[in-house]
Amino acid sequence: MNLNLEQLFLLFIIYSFIGWVGEVIYCSIPEKHFINRGFLHGPVCPIYGCGGLLVVFLLMPFKDTWVELFFAAMFVTTVLEYFTSWLMEVLFHNRWWDYSHYKLNINGRVCLLNSLIFGAMGTLALHFVHPPIKWLICQIKSPYIEIASGALFVWFVTDLILTVRTLKMFNQKLEELKEFSTSLKNKFKGEIWVESGNILEMFKSLRERAKQDSSPIFAVLSERLETLNRKYKSSLRILQAFPRMQSKRYGEQLEHFKFQLKVEFALKKEMLKAKYAQKKGETYEAASREEITKRLEEQTKPAASLK
């Protein structure tokens, strides 16, 4: 039975949701906290929706040959993942995932391990997942199918527009931080604290100079840095969802925002510890943002010095 446009879109949304659930479970368990592992704000991963449709409609002729189906699904999903990684980097100037640390990867965009997993998922989906989903979708009659698909389409497009807007703002914040770090290097050219190390070390030195130096210029620059740090919070979800995001254009600036994400996460843990201690009638003095920042800076110093 052929599916119409409304049914195809519902199938796309369902596979996108299933992929989102799998990604959330896979990424949240090791981190021991919930991570919305999606490109969009809502509970969908469009790449899985596209992958599901490609597997279902391109590989149906291989359904009765399990080995051939596995390798065909592995090939189709790997090409999709590579193309998606490349396209998103072209559109948003960031590499959203990086498999360079995995063995047998291609330009860090795809790797053998994930390809094997996707091949198995595609094989199982075609045999055991797609038939009941297709049957369920076909039970939805007109006009309910049109209403459901129409409402989901409006929601999906709205989410996509909001996400693209967020990503543009995120890149603007990275650009602002880059301009600020460049202006520091130009203003204090030749001084050791701006010439040595990365921008994490440079910003640490700036905060220390603002405390020690009586000149108001350092206080103003330090406050400007804190303002830029506060601006990044609206993009917190992006960094949580894609912690291995890389950028050729804003490499150092992206690492700085990742560092701020660690500070925020550590601060939340301290607050939770304090609340838990309070419930038990115990006293717990939570570390301040400044103390957490200093501790994390000390932890990252060896890694920075190796570069």
Protein backbone atom coordinates (compact mmCIF):
# COMPACT_ATOMS: atom_id res chain seq x y z
CA MET A 1 0.00 0.00 0.00
CA ASN A 2 1.46 3.35 -1.09
CA LEU A 3 1.57 6.19 1.43
CA ASN A 4 0.34 9.69 0.64
CA LEU A 5 2.16 12.90 1.56
CA GLU A 6 0.49 13.27 4.97
CA GLN A 7 1.33 9.68 5.91
CA LEU A 8 4.93 10.08 4.76
CA PHE A 9 5.34 13.16 6.94
CA LEU A 10 3.94 11.35 9.97
CA LEU A 11 6.37 8.51 9.27
CA PHE A 12 9.22 11.06 9.14
CA ILE A 13 8.17 12.56 12.50
CA ILE A 14 7.85 9.14 14.17
CA TYR A 15 11.30 8.01 13.04
CA SER A 16 12.72 11.39 14.07
CA PHE A 17 11.20 10.93 17.53
CA ILE A 18 12.49 7.36 17.85
CA GLY A 19 15.97 8.58 16.90
CA TRP A 20 15.75 11.39 19.45
CA VAL A 21 14.80 8.94 22.22
CA GLY A 22 17.73 6.70 21.30
CA GLU A 23 20.18 9.61 21.25
CA VAL A 24 18.94 10.96 24.58
CA ILE A 25 19.32 7.57 26.27
CA TYR A 26 22.73 6.93 24.67
CA CYS A 27 24.13 10.33 25.72
CA SER A 28 22.33 10.96 29.03
CA ILE A 29 23.25 7.71 30.80
CA PRO A 30 27.07 8.25 30.69
CA GLU A 31 26.66 11.91 31.73
CA LYS A 32 24.19 10.98 34.51
CA HIS A 33 21.84 13.83 33.60
CA PHE A 34 19.27 14.56 30.89
CA ILE A 35 20.63 15.88 27.59
CA ASN A 36 18.30 17.06 24.84
CA ARG A 37 20.37 15.45 22.10
CA GLY A 38 18.62 17.12 19.21
CA PHE A 39 19.34 19.77 16.63
CA LEU A 40 15.86 21.22 17.19
CA HIS A 41 14.28 22.30 20.46
CA GLY A 42 11.56 19.65 20.25
CA PRO A 43 11.91 15.88 20.75
CA VAL A 44 12.96 15.01 17.21
CA CYS A 45 16.21 14.33 15.33
CA PRO A 46 15.43 15.00 11.65
CA ILE A 47 18.46 13.03 10.44
CA TYR A 48 16.82 9.87 11.81
CA GLY A 49 13.58 10.74 10.08
CA CYS A 50 15.42 11.09 6.77
CA GLY A 51 17.41 7.94 7.44
CA GLY A 52 14.28 5.99 8.26
CA LEU A 53 12.55 7.03 5.04
CA LEU A 54 15.63 6.25 2.94
CA VAL A 55 16.02 2.79 4.46
CA VAL A 56 12.32 1.97 4.14
CA PHE A 57 11.88 3.07 0.53
CA LEU A 58 15.30 2.47 -1.00
CA LEU A 59 16.13 -0.84 0.64
CA MET A 60 12.79 -2.66 0.51
CA PRO A 61 14.11 -4.87 -2.36
CA PHE A 62 16.79 -6.17 0.06
CA LYS A 63 14.32 -7.06 2.81
CA ASP A 64 14.58 -10.83 2.36
CA THR A 65 18.40 -10.85 2.21
CA TRP A 66 19.57 -9.99 5.72
CA VAL A 67 23.28 -9.67 4.99
CA GLU A 68 22.81 -7.54 1.89
CA LEU A 69 20.21 -5.44 3.72
CA PHE A 70 22.62 -4.83 6.60
CA PHE A 71 25.42 -3.58 4.35
CA ALA A 72 23.02 -1.56 2.21
CA ALA A 73 21.56 0.12 5.33
CA MET A 74 25.07 0.69 6.62
CA PHE A 75 26.07 2.39 3.35
CA VAL A 76 22.95 4.56 3.02
CA THR A 77 23.01 5.83 6.61
CA THR A 78 26.76 6.48 6.52
CA VAL A 79 26.43 8.58 3.35
CA LEU A 80 23.53 10.46 4.96
CA GLU A 81 25.51 11.18 8.14
CA TYR A 82 28.57 12.35 6.19
CA PHE A 83 26.50 14.60 3.93
CA THR A 84 24.56 16.03 6.89
CA SER A 85 27.78 16.80 8.78
CA TRP A 86 29.25 18.55 5.73
CA LEU A 87 26.06 20.51 4.96
CA MET A 88 25.61 21.74 8.53
CA GLU A 89 29.24 22.85 8.64
CA VAL A 90 28.76 24.79 5.41
CA LEU A 91 25.53 26.42 6.64
CA PHE A 92 26.50 27.18 10.25
CA HIS A 93 30.34 27.21 10.14
CA ASN A 94 30.61 24.61 12.91
CA ARG A 95 31.25 20.87 12.87
CA TRP A 96 28.51 19.46 15.06
CA TRP A 97 30.06 16.08 15.82
CA ASP A 98 33.58 14.76 15.54
CA TYR A 99 34.61 11.09 15.43
CA SER A 100 38.32 11.78 15.03
CA HIS A 101 39.00 9.98 18.31
CA TYR A 102 37.37 6.80 16.95
CA LYS A 103 39.27 4.26 14.91
CA LEU A 104 38.46 3.95 11.19
CA ASN A 105 36.75 7.31 10.75
CA ILE A 106 36.45 9.42 7.60
CA ASN A 107 37.39 13.06 8.21
CA GLY A 108 35.86 12.76 11.67
CA ARG A 109 32.36 12.89 10.14
CA VAL A 110 31.58 9.16 10.17
CA CYS A 111 33.17 6.14 11.82
CA LEU A 112 32.95 2.37 11.49
CA LEU A 113 31.35 1.84 14.91
CA ASN A 114 28.41 4.14 14.19
CA SER A 115 28.04 2.74 10.68
CA LEU A 116 27.74 -0.77 12.09
CA ILE A 117 25.15 0.41 14.63
CA PHE A 118 23.13 2.23 11.97
CA GLY A 119 23.32 -0.80 9.67
CA ALA A 120 21.89 -3.01 12.43
CA MET A 121 19.24 -0.39 13.28
CA GLY A 122 18.17 -0.11 9.64
CA THR A 123 17.91 -3.88 9.27
CA LEU A 124 15.83 -4.29 12.42
CA ALA A 125 13.67 -1.27 11.58
CA LEU A 126 12.72 -2.59 8.16
CA HIS A 127 11.70 -5.99 9.57
CA PHE A 128 10.21 -5.22 12.98
CA VAL A 129 9.62 -1.48 13.45
CA HIS A 130 8.28 -0.23 10.13
CA PRO A 131 5.43 -2.73 9.60
CA PRO A 132 3.50 -1.87 12.81
CA ILE A 133 4.17 1.86 12.39
CA LYS A 134 2.92 1.78 8.82
CA TRP A 135 -0.17 -0.16 9.89
CA LEU A 136 -0.87 2.38 12.64
CA ILE A 137 -0.52 5.34 10.30
CA CYS A 138 -2.81 3.72 7.75
CA GLN A 139 -5.53 3.40 10.42
CA ILE A 140 -5.77 7.18 10.72
CA LYS A 141 -8.50 8.25 8.32
CA SER A 142 -9.32 11.58 6.71
CA PRO A 143 -9.71 14.29 7.93
CA TYR A 144 -7.76 13.31 11.08
CA ILE A 145 -4.62 12.44 9.13
CA GLU A 146 -4.61 15.87 7.50
CA ILE A 147 -5.20 17.64 10.82
CA ALA A 148 -2.47 15.69 12.61
CA SER A 149 0.12 16.07 9.85
CA GLY A 150 -0.76 19.74 9.34
CA ALA A 151 -0.38 20.57 13.04
CA LEU A 152 2.91 18.67 13.26
CA PHE A 153 4.18 20.40 10.11
CA VAL A 154 3.47 23.86 11.55
CA TRP A 155 5.20 22.86 14.81
CA PHE A 156 8.20 21.40 12.94
CA VAL A 157 8.69 24.44 10.69
CA THR A 158 8.31 26.84 13.64
CA ASP A 159 10.90 24.88 15.63
CA LEU A 160 13.24 24.87 12.63
CA ILE A 161 12.95 28.65 12.19
CA LEU A 162 13.58 29.27 15.90
CA THR A 163 16.56 26.92 15.88
CA VAL A 164 18.16 28.59 12.85
CA ARG A 165 17.66 31.96 14.57
CA THR A 166 19.33 30.62 17.72
CA LEU A 167 22.28 29.30 15.70
CA LYS A 168 22.78 32.62 13.96
CA MET A 169 22.78 34.37 17.34
CA PHE A 170 25.24 31.78 18.64
CA ASN A 171 27.67 32.53 15.81
CA GLN A 172 27.22 36.25 16.45
CA LYS A 173 28.24 35.70 20.08
CA LEU A 174 31.29 33.76 18.95
CA GLU A 175 32.18 36.62 16.61
CA GLU A 176 31.79 39.17 19.42
CA LEU A 177 34.07 37.13 21.64
CA LYS A 178 36.61 36.82 18.84
CA GLU A 179 36.57 40.58 18.27
CA PHE A 180 37.02 41.15 22.02
CA SER A 181 40.00 38.78 22.26
CA THR A 182 41.55 40.35 19.16
CA SER A 183 41.12 43.84 20.60
CA LEU A 184 42.86 42.72 23.81
CA LYS A 185 45.82 41.37 21.85
CA ASN A 186 46.07 44.59 19.84
CA LYS A 187 45.68 46.89 22.86
CA PHE A 188 48.26 45.08 24.99
CA LYS A 189 50.49 43.82 22.21
CA GLY A 190 53.88 42.69 23.47
CA GLU A 191 52.74 41.98 27.03
CA ILE A 192 53.28 38.41 28.20
CA TRP A 193 49.75 37.79 29.47
CA VAL A 194 48.20 38.29 26.00
CA GLU A 195 50.97 36.73 23.93
CA SER A 196 51.34 33.39 25.72
CA GLY A 197 48.80 30.58 25.97
CA ASN A 198 45.25 30.46 24.62
CA ILE A 199 42.34 32.78 25.32
CA LEU A 200 41.38 30.82 28.44
CA GLU A 201 44.72 31.79 29.95
CA MET A 202 44.40 35.32 28.59
CA PHE A 203 40.96 35.84 30.11
CA LYS A 204 42.16 34.38 33.42
CA SER A 205 45.02 36.89 33.42
CA LEU A 206 42.59 39.70 32.61
CA ARG A 207 40.45 38.90 35.65
CA GLU A 208 43.55 38.77 37.86
CA ARG A 209 44.80 42.11 36.50
CA ALA A 210 41.38 43.67 37.16
CA LYS A 211 41.68 42.69 40.85
CA GLN A 212 45.31 43.74 41.28
CA ASP A 213 45.66 46.78 39.02
CA SER A 214 44.11 50.07 40.11
CA SER A 215 43.68 51.22 36.50
CA PRO A 216 39.95 51.32 35.59
CA ILE A 217 40.66 49.98 32.09
CA PHE A 218 41.08 46.43 33.38
CA ALA A 219 37.87 46.62 35.43
CA VAL A 220 35.97 47.78 32.34
CA LEU A 221 37.46 45.02 30.17
CA SER A 222 36.75 42.40 32.82
CA GLU A 223 33.13 43.52 33.05
CA ARG A 224 32.87 43.36 29.26
CA LEU A 225 34.11 39.77 29.39
CA GLU A 226 31.51 38.85 32.01
CA THR A 227 28.81 40.43 29.83
CA LEU A 228 29.89 38.26 26.90
CA ASN A 229 29.89 35.20 29.16
CA ARG A 230 26.32 35.90 30.26
CA LYS A 231 25.20 36.22 26.65
CA TYR A 232 26.24 32.68 25.83
CA LYS A 233 23.68 31.16 28.24
CA SER A 234 20.90 31.31 25.65
CA SER A 235 22.98 28.90 23.57
CA LEU A 236 23.56 26.52 26.47
CA ARG A 237 21.36 23.78 24.97
CA ILE A 238 23.41 23.66 21.77
CA LEU A 239 26.66 23.02 23.60
CA GLN A 240 25.01 20.45 25.88
CA ALA A 241 23.59 18.58 22.91
CA PHE A 242 26.81 18.70 20.87
CA PRO A 243 29.74 18.80 23.32
CA ARG A 244 32.22 17.79 20.60
CA MET A 245 31.28 20.68 18.32
CA GLN A 246 34.29 22.10 16.48
CA SER A 247 34.83 25.33 14.57
CA LYS A 248 37.60 26.36 12.20
CA ARG A 249 36.56 30.00 12.38
CA TYR A 250 35.90 30.27 16.13
CA GLY A 251 37.94 27.42 17.61
CA GLU A 252 39.28 29.20 20.71
CA GLN A 253 36.05 31.09 21.31
CA LEU A 254 34.05 27.86 21.18
CA GLU A 255 36.39 26.26 23.71
CA HIS A 256 35.86 29.26 26.00
CA PHE A 257 32.08 28.81 25.87
CA LYS A 258 32.52 25.09 26.55
CA PHE A 259 34.53 26.05 29.61
CA GLN A 260 31.71 28.33 30.75
CA LEU A 261 29.33 25.39 30.30
CA LYS A 262 31.50 23.35 32.70
CA VAL A 263 31.35 26.21 35.19
CA GLU A 264 27.55 26.38 34.97
CA PHE A 265 27.20 22.61 35.36
CA ALA A 266 29.56 22.53 38.36
CA LEU A 267 27.67 25.45 39.93
CA LYS A 268 24.36 23.57 39.57
CA LYS A 269 25.89 20.51 41.22
CA GLU A 270 27.04 22.64 44.14
CA MET A 271 23.54 24.09 44.53
CA LEU A 272 22.00 20.60 44.48
CA LYS A 273 24.48 19.41 47.12
CA ALA A 274 23.58 22.38 49.31
CA LYS A 275 19.83 21.69 48.98
CA TYR A 276 20.34 18.00 49.73
CA ALA A 277 22.40 18.82 52.82
CA GLN A 278 19.74 21.30 53.97
CA LYS A 279 17.03 18.63 53.72
CA LYS A 280 19.14 16.33 55.90
CA GLY A 281 19.69 19.12 58.41
CA GLU A 282 23.37 19.32 57.59
CA THR A 283 25.54 22.29 56.69
CA TYR A 284 27.20 22.48 53.29
CA GLU A 285 29.00 25.56 52.00
CA ALA A 286 28.59 25.54 48.24
CA ALA A 287 31.54 26.73 46.20
CA SER A 288 31.10 30.12 44.55
CA ARG A 289 31.32 30.75 40.82
CA GLU A 290 34.73 32.31 41.32
CA GLU A 291 36.00 29.28 43.24
CA ILE A 292 34.64 26.87 40.66
CA THR A 293 36.15 28.88 37.82
CA LYS A 294 39.54 28.92 39.53
CA ARG A 295 39.41 25.16 40.19
CA LEU A 296 38.50 24.36 36.60
CA GLU A 297 41.17 26.71 35.29
CA GLU A 298 43.75 24.80 37.30
CA GLN A 299 42.45 21.52 35.86
CA THR A 300 42.68 22.76 32.28
CA LYS A 301 46.12 24.35 32.67
CA PRO A 302 48.10 21.13 31.96
CA ALA A 303 46.04 20.43 28.85
CA ALA A 304 46.55 23.99 27.62
CA SER A 305 50.31 23.87 28.18
CA LEU A 306 50.68 20.80 25.99
CA LYS A 307 49.42 22.59 22.91
